[in-house]
Amino acid sequence: MSFITSSKLLTLILVLNEREQKILLGMKKRGFGVGKINGFGGKVEAGETIEEGARRELLEEAEIEAIDMTKVGINMFTFENDPVGLEVHIYVTKEFKRTPTETEEMKPEWYNYSDIPYSQMWADDKVWIPLLLNNTRFMGHYHFSQDQATVLYEKLNTSIRDDDLLERFSFEQIS
């Protein structure tokens, strides 16, 4: 497994319609992960809190504004022969303003919980999205091969308290 020397702080927000048992995901049209189905998110900019970054990314990528947001997890993604880890803070919103709209970066689409297209998503999503849908908090580490398709190593902790998610990722919290 590669050693990481630094990490990038990122966000991911998933929009849920619990009444209809649907999740809003988007097809990534450019940049990292192009062609994959994913939630909405990206880099936290200088001067932003993590939550502010998540809200901004959702607005930029799907043109919707989260009314409520709950942090449900933190995942660290590492890649073979890459010393930079991706620390992703994951949020859920169940209420939002505006209509999801395609942008230059993402094409949003609603999926039934039972029909989430995991085969078109990152390989780790099938592990933690079901936890998220069951209101389980989590913190995980996924180490990918150079092809970015194969998970070589994974570690997941679901014994997470809400206050654990207020902090940054820690390898000790998933041990």
C-alpha atoms as a PDB file:
ATOM      1  CA  MET A   1       0.000   0.000   0.000  1.00  0.00           C
ATOM      2  CA  SER A   2       1.268   3.488  -0.852  1.00  0.00           C
ATOM      3  CA  PHE A   3       2.143   5.951   1.840  1.00  0.00           C
ATOM      4  CA  ILE A   4       0.412   9.283   1.623  1.00  0.00           C
ATOM      5  CA  THR A   5       2.373  12.444   2.241  1.00  0.00           C
ATOM      6  CA  SER A   6      -0.566  14.851   1.946  1.00  0.00           C
ATOM      7  CA  SER A   7      -4.299  14.894   1.406  1.00  0.00           C
ATOM      8  CA  LYS A   8      -6.860  16.966  -0.455  1.00  0.00           C
ATOM      9  CA  LEU A   9     -10.003  18.004   1.415  1.00  0.00           C
ATOM     10  CA  LEU A  10     -13.131  17.175  -0.608  1.00  0.00           C
ATOM     11  CA  THR A  11     -16.889  16.935  -0.148  1.00  0.00           C
ATOM     12  CA  LEU A  12     -19.636  14.685  -1.435  1.00  0.00           C
ATOM     13  CA  ILE A  13     -23.338  15.343  -0.979  1.00  0.00           C
ATOM     14  CA  LEU A  14     -26.087  12.864  -1.714  1.00  0.00           C
ATOM     15  CA  VAL A  15     -29.672  14.022  -2.177  1.00  0.00           C
ATOM     16  CA  LEU A  16     -32.343  11.639  -0.903  1.00  0.00           C
ATOM     17  CA  ASN A  17     -36.084  11.455  -1.379  1.00  0.00           C
ATOM     18  CA  GLU A  18     -36.963   9.017   1.400  1.00  0.00           C
ATOM     19  CA  ARG A  19     -40.709   9.066   0.717  1.00  0.00           C
ATOM     20  CA  GLU A  20     -40.157   7.795  -2.842  1.00  0.00           C
ATOM     21  CA  GLN A  21     -37.004   5.816  -1.916  1.00  0.00           C
ATOM     22  CA  LYS A  22     -34.903   7.670  -4.512  1.00  0.00           C
ATOM     23  CA  ILE A  23     -31.373   9.074  -4.608  1.00  0.00           C
ATOM     24  CA  LEU A  24     -30.167  11.854  -6.895  1.00  0.00           C
ATOM     25  CA  LEU A  25     -26.867  11.006  -8.566  1.00  0.00           C
ATOM     26  CA  GLY A  26     -25.061  12.600 -11.459  1.00  0.00           C
ATOM     27  CA  MET A  27     -23.037  11.386 -14.421  1.00  0.00           C
ATOM     28  CA  LYS A  28     -19.658  13.119 -14.274  1.00  0.00           C
ATOM     29  CA  LYS A  29     -19.070  14.900 -17.589  1.00  0.00           C
ATOM     30  CA  ARG A  30     -15.525  16.199 -17.048  1.00  0.00           C
ATOM     31  CA  GLY A  31     -12.555  16.054 -14.701  1.00  0.00           C
ATOM     32  CA  PHE A  32     -11.648  13.355 -12.191  1.00  0.00           C
ATOM     33  CA  GLY A  33     -14.073  10.427 -12.449  1.00  0.00           C
ATOM     34  CA  VAL A  34     -15.453  11.420 -15.864  1.00  0.00           C
ATOM     35  CA  GLY A  35     -18.085   8.950 -17.084  1.00  0.00           C
ATOM     36  CA  LYS A  36     -18.890   7.664 -13.598  1.00  0.00           C
ATOM     37  CA  ILE A  37     -22.183   8.069 -11.746  1.00  0.00           C
ATOM     38  CA  ASN A  38     -21.581   9.819  -8.431  1.00  0.00           C
ATOM     39  CA  GLY A  39     -22.917  12.178  -5.819  1.00  0.00           C
ATOM     40  CA  PHE A  40     -22.158  15.900  -6.052  1.00  0.00           C
ATOM     41  CA  GLY A  41     -19.073  17.484  -4.565  1.00  0.00           C
ATOM     42  CA  GLY A  42     -15.509  18.573  -4.954  1.00  0.00           C
ATOM     43  CA  LYS A  43     -12.747  20.637  -3.395  1.00  0.00           C
ATOM     44  CA  VAL A  44     -13.150  22.804  -0.340  1.00  0.00           C
ATOM     45  CA  GLU A  45     -11.877  26.250  -1.291  1.00  0.00           C
ATOM     46  CA  ALA A  46      -9.729  28.520   0.863  1.00  0.00           C
ATOM     47  CA  GLY A  47     -11.834  30.331   3.453  1.00  0.00           C
ATOM     48  CA  GLU A  48     -14.713  27.815   3.280  1.00  0.00           C
ATOM     49  CA  THR A  49     -15.815  25.387   5.942  1.00  0.00           C
ATOM     50  CA  ILE A  50     -16.266  21.811   4.768  1.00  0.00           C
ATOM     51  CA  GLU A  51     -20.062  22.223   4.862  1.00  0.00           C
ATOM     52  CA  GLU A  52     -19.905  25.493   2.899  1.00  0.00           C
ATOM     53  CA  GLY A  53     -17.829  23.695   0.261  1.00  0.00           C
ATOM     54  CA  ALA A  54     -20.406  20.905   0.029  1.00  0.00           C
ATOM     55  CA  ARG A  55     -23.265  23.386  -0.351  1.00  0.00           C
ATOM     56  CA  ARG A  56     -21.398  25.344  -3.051  1.00  0.00           C
ATOM     57  CA  GLU A  57     -20.524  22.203  -5.008  1.00  0.00           C
ATOM     58  CA  LEU A  58     -24.146  20.987  -4.970  1.00  0.00           C
ATOM     59  CA  LEU A  59     -25.297  24.343  -6.295  1.00  0.00           C
ATOM     60  CA  GLU A  60     -22.590  24.426  -8.996  1.00  0.00           C
ATOM     61  CA  GLU A  61     -23.091  20.816 -10.142  1.00  0.00           C
ATOM     62  CA  ALA A  62     -26.881  20.355  -9.904  1.00  0.00           C
ATOM     63  CA  GLU A  63     -28.175  23.921  -9.443  1.00  0.00           C
ATOM     64  CA  ILE A  64     -29.966  23.006  -6.220  1.00  0.00           C
ATOM     65  CA  GLU A  65     -29.584  24.463  -2.728  1.00  0.00           C
ATOM     66  CA  ALA A  66     -29.586  22.146   0.279  1.00  0.00           C
ATOM     67  CA  ILE A  67     -31.954  23.230   3.058  1.00  0.00           C
ATOM     68  CA  ASP A  68     -30.868  20.621   5.582  1.00  0.00           C
ATOM     69  CA  MET A  69     -27.569  18.787   5.533  1.00  0.00           C
ATOM     70  CA  THR A  70     -26.222  16.053   7.794  1.00  0.00           C
ATOM     71  CA  LYS A  71     -22.667  14.762   7.747  1.00  0.00           C
ATOM     72  CA  VAL A  72     -22.825  10.965   7.649  1.00  0.00           C
ATOM     73  CA  GLY A  73     -19.293   9.856   6.896  1.00  0.00           C
ATOM     74  CA  ILE A  74     -15.692  10.497   5.995  1.00  0.00           C
ATOM     75  CA  ASN A  75     -13.789   8.332   3.528  1.00  0.00           C
ATOM     76  CA  MET A  76     -10.095   8.463   2.696  1.00  0.00           C
ATOM     77  CA  PHE A  77      -9.254   7.358  -0.823  1.00  0.00           C
ATOM     78  CA  THR A  78      -5.686   6.460  -1.723  1.00  0.00           C
ATOM     79  CA  PHE A  79      -4.282   5.264  -5.011  1.00  0.00           C
ATOM     80  CA  GLU A  80      -1.385   3.008  -5.871  1.00  0.00           C
ATOM     81  CA  ASN A  81       1.814   5.028  -6.504  1.00  0.00           C
ATOM     82  CA  ASP A  82       0.112   8.326  -5.586  1.00  0.00           C
ATOM     83  CA  PRO A  83       1.227  10.039  -2.370  1.00  0.00           C
ATOM     84  CA  VAL A  84      -1.870  12.296  -2.202  1.00  0.00           C
ATOM     85  CA  GLY A  85      -4.932  10.987  -0.389  1.00  0.00           C
ATOM     86  CA  LEU A  86      -8.454  12.254  -1.019  1.00  0.00           C
ATOM     87  CA  GLU A  87     -10.257  12.982   2.269  1.00  0.00           C
ATOM     88  CA  VAL A  88     -13.959  13.083   1.397  1.00  0.00           C
ATOM     89  CA  HIS A  89     -16.557  14.392   3.869  1.00  0.00           C
ATOM     90  CA  ILE A  90     -19.957  12.929   2.980  1.00  0.00           C
ATOM     91  CA  TYR A  91     -23.276  14.678   3.567  1.00  0.00           C
ATOM     92  CA  VAL A  92     -26.923  13.866   2.983  1.00  0.00           C
ATOM     93  CA  THR A  93     -29.703  16.329   2.258  1.00  0.00           C
ATOM     94  CA  LYS A  94     -33.371  15.440   2.173  1.00  0.00           C
ATOM     95  CA  GLU A  95     -34.711  18.927   1.481  1.00  0.00           C
ATOM     96  CA  PHE A  96     -33.585  21.348  -1.188  1.00  0.00           C
ATOM     97  CA  LYS A  97     -34.677  24.331  -3.241  1.00  0.00           C
ATOM     98  CA  ARG A  98     -34.887  24.437  -7.049  1.00  0.00           C
ATOM     99  CA  THR A  99     -35.006  21.684  -9.661  1.00  0.00           C
ATOM    100  CA  PRO A 100     -31.957  19.480 -10.330  1.00  0.00           C
ATOM    101  CA  THR A 101     -30.504  20.713 -13.625  1.00  0.00           C
ATOM    102  CA  GLU A 102     -27.756  19.449 -15.909  1.00  0.00           C
ATOM    103  CA  THR A 103     -24.590  21.550 -15.797  1.00  0.00           C
ATOM    104  CA  GLU A 104     -21.264  21.518 -17.645  1.00  0.00           C
ATOM    105  CA  GLU A 105     -19.932  19.105 -15.025  1.00  0.00           C
ATOM    106  CA  MET A 106     -22.813  16.791 -14.061  1.00  0.00           C
ATOM    107  CA  LYS A 107     -26.012  15.289 -15.488  1.00  0.00           C
ATOM    108  CA  PRO A 108     -28.343  14.605 -12.516  1.00  0.00           C
ATOM    109  CA  GLU A 109     -30.810  11.723 -12.482  1.00  0.00           C
ATOM    110  CA  TRP A 110     -33.044  10.153  -9.816  1.00  0.00           C
ATOM    111  CA  TYR A 111     -32.563   6.423  -9.092  1.00  0.00           C
ATOM    112  CA  ASN A 112     -34.672   4.093  -6.989  1.00  0.00           C
ATOM    113  CA  TYR A 113     -32.748   2.803  -3.974  1.00  0.00           C
ATOM    114  CA  SER A 114     -33.193  -0.700  -5.428  1.00  0.00           C
ATOM    115  CA  ASP A 115     -31.746   0.344  -8.818  1.00  0.00           C
ATOM    116  CA  ILE A 116     -28.617   2.293  -7.909  1.00  0.00           C
ATOM    117  CA  PRO A 117     -26.224   1.773 -10.865  1.00  0.00           C
ATOM    118  CA  TYR A 118     -23.236   0.531  -8.846  1.00  0.00           C
ATOM    119  CA  SER A 119     -21.605  -0.958 -11.962  1.00  0.00           C
ATOM    120  CA  GLN A 120     -21.214   2.604 -13.318  1.00  0.00           C
ATOM    121  CA  MET A 121     -19.901   4.020 -10.043  1.00  0.00           C
ATOM    122  CA  TRP A 122     -16.694   3.914  -8.017  1.00  0.00           C
ATOM    123  CA  ALA A 123     -16.093   0.372  -6.712  1.00  0.00           C
ATOM    124  CA  ASP A 124     -16.335   1.434  -3.046  1.00  0.00           C
ATOM    125  CA  ASP A 125     -19.806   2.998  -3.392  1.00  0.00           C
ATOM    126  CA  LYS A 126     -21.573  -0.355  -3.087  1.00  0.00           C
ATOM    127  CA  VAL A 127     -20.013  -0.740   0.383  1.00  0.00           C
ATOM    128  CA  TRP A 128     -20.932   2.539   2.061  1.00  0.00           C
ATOM    129  CA  ILE A 129     -24.005   3.886   0.181  1.00  0.00           C
ATOM    130  CA  PRO A 130     -26.252   1.140   1.637  1.00  0.00           C
ATOM    131  CA  LEU A 131     -25.004   2.173   5.100  1.00  0.00           C
ATOM    132  CA  LEU A 132     -25.857   5.796   4.342  1.00  0.00           C
ATOM    133  CA  LEU A 133     -29.357   4.772   3.190  1.00  0.00           C
ATOM    134  CA  ASN A 134     -29.818   2.971   6.528  1.00  0.00           C
ATOM    135  CA  ASN A 135     -28.742   6.068   8.507  1.00  0.00           C
ATOM    136  CA  THR A 136     -25.475   4.456   9.624  1.00  0.00           C
ATOM    137  CA  ARG A 137     -22.505   6.771  10.252  1.00  0.00           C
ATOM    138  CA  PHE A 138     -19.155   5.549   8.922  1.00  0.00           C
ATOM    139  CA  MET A 139     -15.494   6.287   8.380  1.00  0.00           C
ATOM    140  CA  GLY A 140     -13.520   4.321   5.830  1.00  0.00           C
ATOM    141  CA  HIS A 141     -10.302   3.946   3.886  1.00  0.00           C
ATOM    142  CA  TYR A 142     -10.261   2.579   0.335  1.00  0.00           C
ATOM    143  CA  HIS A 143      -6.985   1.982  -1.474  1.00  0.00           C
ATOM    144  CA  PHE A 144      -7.327   1.697  -5.250  1.00  0.00           C
ATOM    145  CA  SER A 145      -5.040   0.164  -7.865  1.00  0.00           C
ATOM    146  CA  GLN A 146      -3.523   2.417 -10.515  1.00  0.00           C
ATOM    147  CA  ASP A 147      -6.438   1.649 -12.853  1.00  0.00           C
ATOM    148  CA  GLN A 148      -8.742   3.363 -10.293  1.00  0.00           C
ATOM    149  CA  ALA A 149     -11.238   0.508 -10.764  1.00  0.00           C
ATOM    150  CA  THR A 150     -10.005  -2.098  -8.290  1.00  0.00           C
ATOM    151  CA  VAL A 151     -10.084  -1.701  -4.515  1.00  0.00           C
ATOM    152  CA  LEU A 152      -6.896  -3.337  -3.195  1.00  0.00           C
ATOM    153  CA  TYR A 153      -7.642  -2.636   0.461  1.00  0.00           C
ATOM    154  CA  GLU A 154     -10.610  -1.394   2.436  1.00  0.00           C
ATOM    155  CA  LYS A 155     -11.271  -0.706   6.081  1.00  0.00           C
ATOM    156  CA  LEU A 156     -14.597   0.559   7.379  1.00  0.00           C
ATOM    157  CA  ASN A 157     -15.712   1.579  10.866  1.00  0.00           C
ATOM    158  CA  THR A 158     -19.433   1.943  11.537  1.00  0.00           C
ATOM    159  CA  SER A 159     -18.980   2.546  15.281  1.00  0.00           C
ATOM    160  CA  ILE A 160     -18.782   6.276  14.681  1.00  0.00           C
ATOM    161  CA  ARG A 161     -20.300   8.899  16.947  1.00  0.00           C
ATOM    162  CA  ASP A 162     -21.622  12.138  15.466  1.00  0.00           C
ATOM    163  CA  ASP A 163     -18.823  14.118  17.133  1.00  0.00           C
ATOM    164  CA  ASP A 164     -16.203  11.913  15.408  1.00  0.00           C
ATOM    165  CA  LEU A 165     -17.463  13.334  12.113  1.00  0.00           C
ATOM    166  CA  LEU A 166     -16.758  16.898  13.241  1.00  0.00           C
ATOM    167  CA  GLU A 167     -13.045  16.240  12.877  1.00  0.00           C
ATOM    168  CA  ARG A 168     -10.799  15.433   9.986  1.00  0.00           C
ATOM    169  CA  PHE A 169     -10.092  11.854   8.902  1.00  0.00           C
ATOM    170  CA  SER A 170      -7.888   9.799  11.189  1.00  0.00           C
ATOM    171  CA  PHE A 171      -6.478   6.349  10.419  1.00  0.00           C
ATOM    172  CA  GLU A 172      -6.719   5.626  14.158  1.00  0.00           C
ATOM    173  CA  GLN A 173     -10.525   5.993  14.010  1.00  0.00           C
ATOM    174  CA  ILE A 174     -10.851   3.087  11.583  1.00  0.00           C
ATOM    175  CA  SER A 175      -8.405   0.757  13.324  1.00  0.00           C
END
